[in-house]
Structure formats: C-alpha cells, structure tokens
Amino acid sequence: MSDTELDVVFRDYETLTARTDELFERVRAQFPAEVACTAGCSDCCHAMFDLSLVEAMALNRAFNARFGFGAARSAVLEAAGDADRAATRLKRHYFQRAKQGATDEEILREAARDRLRCPLLGPDDRCVLYEQRPVTCRLYGVPTAIHGKAHVCGKCGFARGGAYPTVALDRIQDKLAELSRRLAVAVGSRYRELHTVYVPVSMALLTKYDDAYLGVGPAPQEQE
C-alpha cells in the first residue's frame, strides 16, 4: 500500500466535500428563507442511503481518530449495530416487495418514508462527526437531482414546480466513484470490484478496513 497515494486520494475527497459545502452555502445565500437547516434539526439523520468506498473509509478513519476507546465509542458502535440490523430487515422487506411486483419507484418512495436513526446522531440530536459527515448529509437541505429527477427536503420551503438552482448529485457521485477506484488502486487491492462496494453509515463504522478486507497482499492459501 502506498501511503502517499492514499493520502492524495483522501485529500482530494476533502477537496470535494469542501466544494460540496460551497454549493450548499451558495444556494442558502440566494434562498435563506427556503433552506430551513438549523443546528439540532435531524430530519436528514433518519434517511437511508449508502456510502461509496472512499466516503466509508474516510468516515471510519475519522471515527477511530475521534473515538479511540471508552463509553462514547461503545455507544456509537452499539447504535451502529442496531441500525445495521434494522437496515437489513428493511432491505429484506424491499426485496420481498419487488418479488411481489412492486416497481422500483414504489420501493424508492417507501424507502424515503422509512426512518432509520443514524448511529452518529448524539442524544442532543447533533452529529458527533459533523465535520466529517458524508456528501449526502451536506446537501440534504437544498434541491438536488439525480438523472434529472429532483429531490428536496420536505422541511424546506422550496415550492413544488418553482425555479431554483439544483445541485447535480449524480455528478458528485460519479466523482466519489472515481475516488473510490483510485483508492482501490492505491492500496493495491486484488479485488477488482472493491471500488463498487457501497455500505450504509452503520457498516462503515463497524467495518475494520484492514488488509484482509481490502484484499491487500497475496490471497490466503486454502487448507488441504
């Protein structure tokens, strides 16, 4: 593994998150009354979404740096375990709904209604890793679009059908995918599809991103 190359990838990720923050602030400056985000509002902290490899590893590194040992770390990991089990149950439910004939759009609408508390949400309803939060969290309060389909937080004041600046979230996701590909190359993974792995926040916190997980080094020999 090349630490230098890996550091460059994470620095580029930090640059991307900083630019994402700039996009959010630009919209908020133009529409301060419509962007309802305030400290302690945790609506977006109950949404279900997955993280790219680079986001998951960056969050994992930040968590381990902030919470080395102790009760606070244990509390977050316990919450992560609870959230991961709940997410697994929901995903099984969505799978069954698909088998029963529900369309992708119907399942996505149902998933948007389901609420799952983020394990990083503290008892005061504030994120314990706010400065290192993922991209989706950074853009939740402003209009975004994926492949032309718009989305906005229900608590914000953007009127349906109105003309507002919209952040192309799919373009940012493409950049995250490229950073994840570079990360897999930087660590020298033998897993060709490592960069395509997406996990929820809970699993990003629970996972140990060591050589075995990343596929670094020779493959283990099978026991005869």
Protein backbone atom coordinates (compact mmCIF):
# COMPACT_ATOMS: atom_id res chain seq x y z
CA MET A 1 0.00 0.00 0.00
CA SER A 2 1.29 3.44 -0.89
CA ASP A 3 0.51 5.82 1.99
CA THR A 4 1.40 8.78 -0.21
CA GLU A 5 -1.07 7.80 -2.94
CA LEU A 6 -3.72 7.01 -0.34
CA ASP A 7 -3.20 10.39 1.34
CA VAL A 8 -3.66 12.11 -2.02
CA VAL A 9 -6.98 10.33 -2.54
CA PHE A 10 -8.25 11.38 0.87
CA ARG A 11 -7.07 14.96 0.32
CA ASP A 12 -8.95 15.01 -2.99
CA TYR A 13 -12.00 13.70 -1.14
CA GLU A 14 -11.70 16.54 1.38
CA THR A 15 -11.49 18.99 -1.51
CA LEU A 16 -14.68 17.52 -2.97
CA THR A 17 -16.53 17.82 0.35
CA ALA A 18 -15.37 21.42 0.68
CA ARG A 19 -16.70 22.21 -2.79
CA THR A 20 -19.94 20.48 -1.86
CA ASP A 21 -20.24 22.76 1.17
CA GLU A 22 -19.68 25.74 -1.11
CA LEU A 23 -22.55 24.63 -3.34
CA PHE A 24 -24.84 24.33 -0.34
CA GLU A 25 -23.87 27.76 1.01
CA ARG A 26 -24.33 29.33 -2.42
CA VAL A 27 -27.93 28.12 -2.57
CA ARG A 28 -28.60 29.11 1.04
CA ALA A 29 -27.26 32.61 0.37
CA GLN A 30 -29.72 33.00 -2.51
CA PHE A 31 -32.69 31.42 -0.71
CA PRO A 32 -32.18 31.86 3.05
CA ALA A 33 -35.89 31.60 3.82
CA GLU A 34 -36.28 28.34 1.90
CA VAL A 35 -33.27 26.50 3.38
CA ALA A 36 -34.58 25.51 6.80
CA CYS A 37 -31.44 23.76 8.10
CA THR A 38 -30.59 24.72 11.69
CA ALA A 39 -28.46 23.22 14.43
CA GLY A 40 -30.40 20.41 16.08
CA CYS A 41 -32.60 19.64 13.06
CA SER A 42 -32.05 15.94 12.50
CA ASP A 43 -34.58 15.12 9.78
CA CYS A 44 -31.86 14.13 7.31
CA CYS A 45 -30.23 12.00 10.01
CA HIS A 46 -33.01 9.42 9.65
CA ALA A 47 -32.68 8.91 5.88
CA MET A 48 -31.45 5.65 4.37
CA PHE A 49 -28.52 5.86 1.97
CA ASP A 50 -25.23 4.10 1.24
CA LEU A 51 -21.66 5.38 1.11
CA SER A 52 -19.05 4.89 -1.58
CA LEU A 53 -15.79 3.21 -0.58
CA VAL A 54 -13.88 6.47 -0.20
CA GLU A 55 -16.63 8.02 1.95
CA ALA A 56 -16.92 4.91 4.12
CA MET A 57 -13.18 4.67 4.74
CA ALA A 58 -12.85 8.41 5.40
CA LEU A 59 -15.69 8.24 7.93
CA ASN A 60 -14.19 5.14 9.53
CA ARG A 61 -10.79 6.84 9.88
CA ALA A 62 -12.37 9.95 11.39
CA PHE A 63 -14.41 7.87 13.84
CA ASN A 64 -11.39 5.87 15.01
CA ALA A 65 -9.34 9.06 15.38
CA ARG A 66 -12.07 10.77 17.42
CA PHE A 67 -13.24 7.79 19.48
CA GLY A 68 -10.26 5.62 20.34
CA PHE A 69 -11.66 3.82 23.38
CA GLY A 70 -14.28 4.33 26.04
CA ALA A 71 -18.00 4.59 26.63
CA ALA A 72 -18.65 7.12 23.87
CA ARG A 73 -17.14 4.81 21.25
CA SER A 74 -19.07 1.84 22.59
CA ALA A 75 -22.33 3.80 22.48
CA VAL A 76 -21.83 4.71 18.81
CA LEU A 77 -20.89 1.15 17.86
CA GLU A 78 -23.91 -0.23 19.72
CA ALA A 79 -26.15 2.22 17.86
CA ALA A 80 -24.43 1.21 14.61
CA GLY A 81 -25.17 -2.45 15.29
CA ASP A 82 -28.83 -1.67 15.98
CA ALA A 83 -29.08 0.47 12.83
CA ASP A 84 -27.41 -2.16 10.68
CA ARG A 85 -29.82 -4.87 11.81
CA ALA A 86 -32.77 -2.56 11.19
CA ALA A 87 -31.45 -1.68 7.72
CA THR A 88 -31.05 -5.37 6.89
CA ARG A 89 -34.67 -6.03 7.87
CA LEU A 90 -35.87 -3.13 5.72
CA LYS A 91 -33.83 -4.24 2.72
CA ARG A 92 -35.26 -7.75 3.02
CA HIS A 93 -38.72 -6.20 3.08
CA TYR A 94 -37.97 -4.18 -0.08
CA PHE A 95 -36.68 -7.32 -1.77
CA GLN A 96 -39.92 -9.13 -0.96
CA ARG A 97 -41.93 -6.16 -2.24
CA ALA A 98 -40.01 -6.37 -5.52
CA LYS A 99 -40.75 -10.09 -5.79
CA GLN A 100 -44.42 -9.27 -5.25
CA GLY A 101 -44.37 -6.92 -8.22
CA ALA A 102 -43.70 -3.50 -6.70
CA THR A 103 -41.92 -1.15 -9.10
CA ASP A 104 -38.55 0.44 -8.36
CA GLU A 105 -40.27 3.82 -7.99
CA GLU A 106 -42.76 2.43 -5.47
CA ILE A 107 -39.99 0.85 -3.43
CA LEU A 108 -37.92 4.05 -3.50
CA ARG A 109 -40.91 6.06 -2.30
CA GLU A 110 -41.43 3.60 0.54
CA ALA A 111 -37.74 3.72 1.46
CA ALA A 112 -37.90 7.53 1.52
CA ARG A 113 -40.72 7.34 4.07
CA ASP A 114 -38.95 4.82 6.31
CA ARG A 115 -36.86 6.42 9.04
CA LEU A 116 -33.68 4.94 10.48
CA ARG A 117 -31.74 6.90 13.09
CA CYS A 118 -28.09 7.46 12.15
CA PRO A 119 -25.71 5.95 14.74
CA LEU A 120 -23.68 9.18 14.65
CA LEU A 121 -26.64 11.20 15.90
CA GLY A 122 -25.98 12.09 19.53
CA PRO A 123 -28.54 12.32 22.35
CA ASP A 124 -28.78 16.08 21.69
CA ASP A 125 -29.75 15.39 18.05
CA ARG A 126 -26.41 16.68 16.78
CA CYS A 127 -23.91 14.74 14.69
CA VAL A 128 -20.87 13.61 16.66
CA LEU A 129 -18.76 13.68 13.46
CA TYR A 130 -20.35 16.71 11.81
CA GLU A 131 -17.18 18.00 10.15
CA GLN A 132 -16.58 14.57 8.58
CA ARG A 133 -20.19 13.86 7.56
CA PRO A 134 -20.79 12.29 4.12
CA VAL A 135 -21.72 14.22 0.97
CA THR A 136 -25.41 13.28 1.10
CA CYS A 137 -25.68 14.85 4.55
CA ARG A 138 -24.01 18.05 3.32
CA LEU A 139 -26.58 18.62 0.57
CA TYR A 140 -29.79 17.44 2.18
CA GLY A 141 -31.39 20.87 2.67
CA VAL A 142 -31.06 22.17 -0.90
CA PRO A 143 -32.60 20.95 -4.19
CA THR A 144 -30.66 18.08 -5.74
CA ALA A 145 -31.19 15.97 -8.84
CA ILE A 146 -30.10 12.51 -9.96
CA HIS A 147 -30.51 11.81 -13.68
CA GLY A 148 -32.85 14.78 -13.91
CA LYS A 149 -35.16 13.66 -11.08
CA ALA A 150 -35.32 16.37 -8.42
CA HIS A 151 -35.45 15.92 -4.65
CA VAL A 152 -35.67 18.36 -1.77
CA CYS A 153 -36.06 18.11 1.99
CA GLY A 154 -39.72 18.18 3.00
CA LYS A 155 -38.99 20.61 5.82
CA CYS A 156 -37.55 23.24 3.48
CA GLY A 157 -39.59 25.96 1.82
CA PHE A 158 -38.88 25.28 -1.84
CA ALA A 159 -42.22 25.32 -3.69
CA ARG A 160 -43.01 22.43 -5.99
CA GLY A 161 -42.51 23.48 -9.61
CA GLY A 162 -40.52 26.59 -8.70
CA ALA A 163 -37.29 27.60 -10.44
CA TYR A 164 -34.35 27.07 -8.10
CA PRO A 165 -30.66 26.23 -8.50
CA THR A 166 -30.28 22.46 -8.30
CA VAL A 167 -27.16 20.50 -7.39
CA ALA A 168 -26.46 17.63 -9.79
CA LEU A 169 -25.88 14.98 -7.15
CA ASP A 170 -25.20 12.28 -9.72
CA ARG A 171 -22.14 14.20 -10.95
CA ILE A 172 -20.78 14.33 -7.41
CA GLN A 173 -21.49 10.62 -7.03
CA ASP A 174 -19.51 9.99 -10.22
CA LYS A 175 -16.55 11.81 -8.66
CA LEU A 176 -16.89 9.74 -5.50
CA ALA A 177 -16.89 6.58 -7.62
CA GLU A 178 -13.69 7.70 -9.34
CA LEU A 179 -12.04 8.47 -6.00
CA SER A 180 -13.06 5.01 -4.80
CA ARG A 181 -11.48 3.45 -7.89
CA ARG A 182 -8.26 5.37 -7.23
CA LEU A 183 -8.34 4.29 -3.59
CA ALA A 184 -8.56 0.62 -4.56
CA VAL A 185 -5.56 1.09 -6.85
CA ALA A 186 -3.64 2.98 -4.15
CA VAL A 187 -3.99 0.16 -1.62
CA GLY A 188 -3.08 -2.44 -4.24
CA SER A 189 -6.27 -4.45 -3.81
CA ARG A 190 -6.54 -7.78 -5.60
CA TYR A 191 -10.34 -7.35 -5.60
CA ARG A 192 -11.32 -5.95 -8.98
CA GLU A 193 -14.72 -4.75 -7.78
CA LEU A 194 -13.69 -3.32 -4.40
CA HIS A 195 -14.41 0.22 -5.56
CA THR A 196 -18.01 -0.71 -6.36
CA VAL A 197 -18.87 -1.71 -2.78
CA TYR A 198 -21.37 0.61 -1.09
CA VAL A 199 -22.33 0.34 2.58
CA PRO A 200 -24.59 2.26 5.00
CA VAL A 201 -23.08 4.51 7.67
CA SER A 202 -23.57 1.80 10.28
CA MET A 203 -21.44 -0.72 8.38
CA ALA A 204 -18.80 1.91 7.60
CA LEU A 205 -18.35 2.38 11.36
CA LEU A 206 -18.39 -1.33 12.21
CA THR A 207 -16.03 -2.49 9.45
CA LYS A 208 -12.31 -2.96 10.04
CA TYR A 209 -10.70 -1.72 6.83
CA ASP A 210 -7.58 -3.84 7.18
CA ASP A 211 -5.53 -5.68 4.55
CA ALA A 212 -7.81 -8.71 4.71
CA TYR A 213 -10.92 -6.65 3.97
CA LEU A 214 -9.23 -4.58 1.28
CA GLY A 215 -7.62 -7.57 -0.41
CA VAL A 216 -4.06 -6.35 0.06
CA GLY A 217 -1.27 -8.87 -0.36
CA PRO A 218 -1.39 -12.46 -1.62
CA ALA A 219 -4.62 -14.40 -1.32
CA PRO A 220 -4.69 -16.79 1.65
CA GLN A 221 -3.90 -20.38 0.77
CA GLU A 222 -6.70 -22.90 1.16
CA GLN A 223 -6.11 -25.56 3.78
CA GLU A 224 -5.92 -29.07 2.40
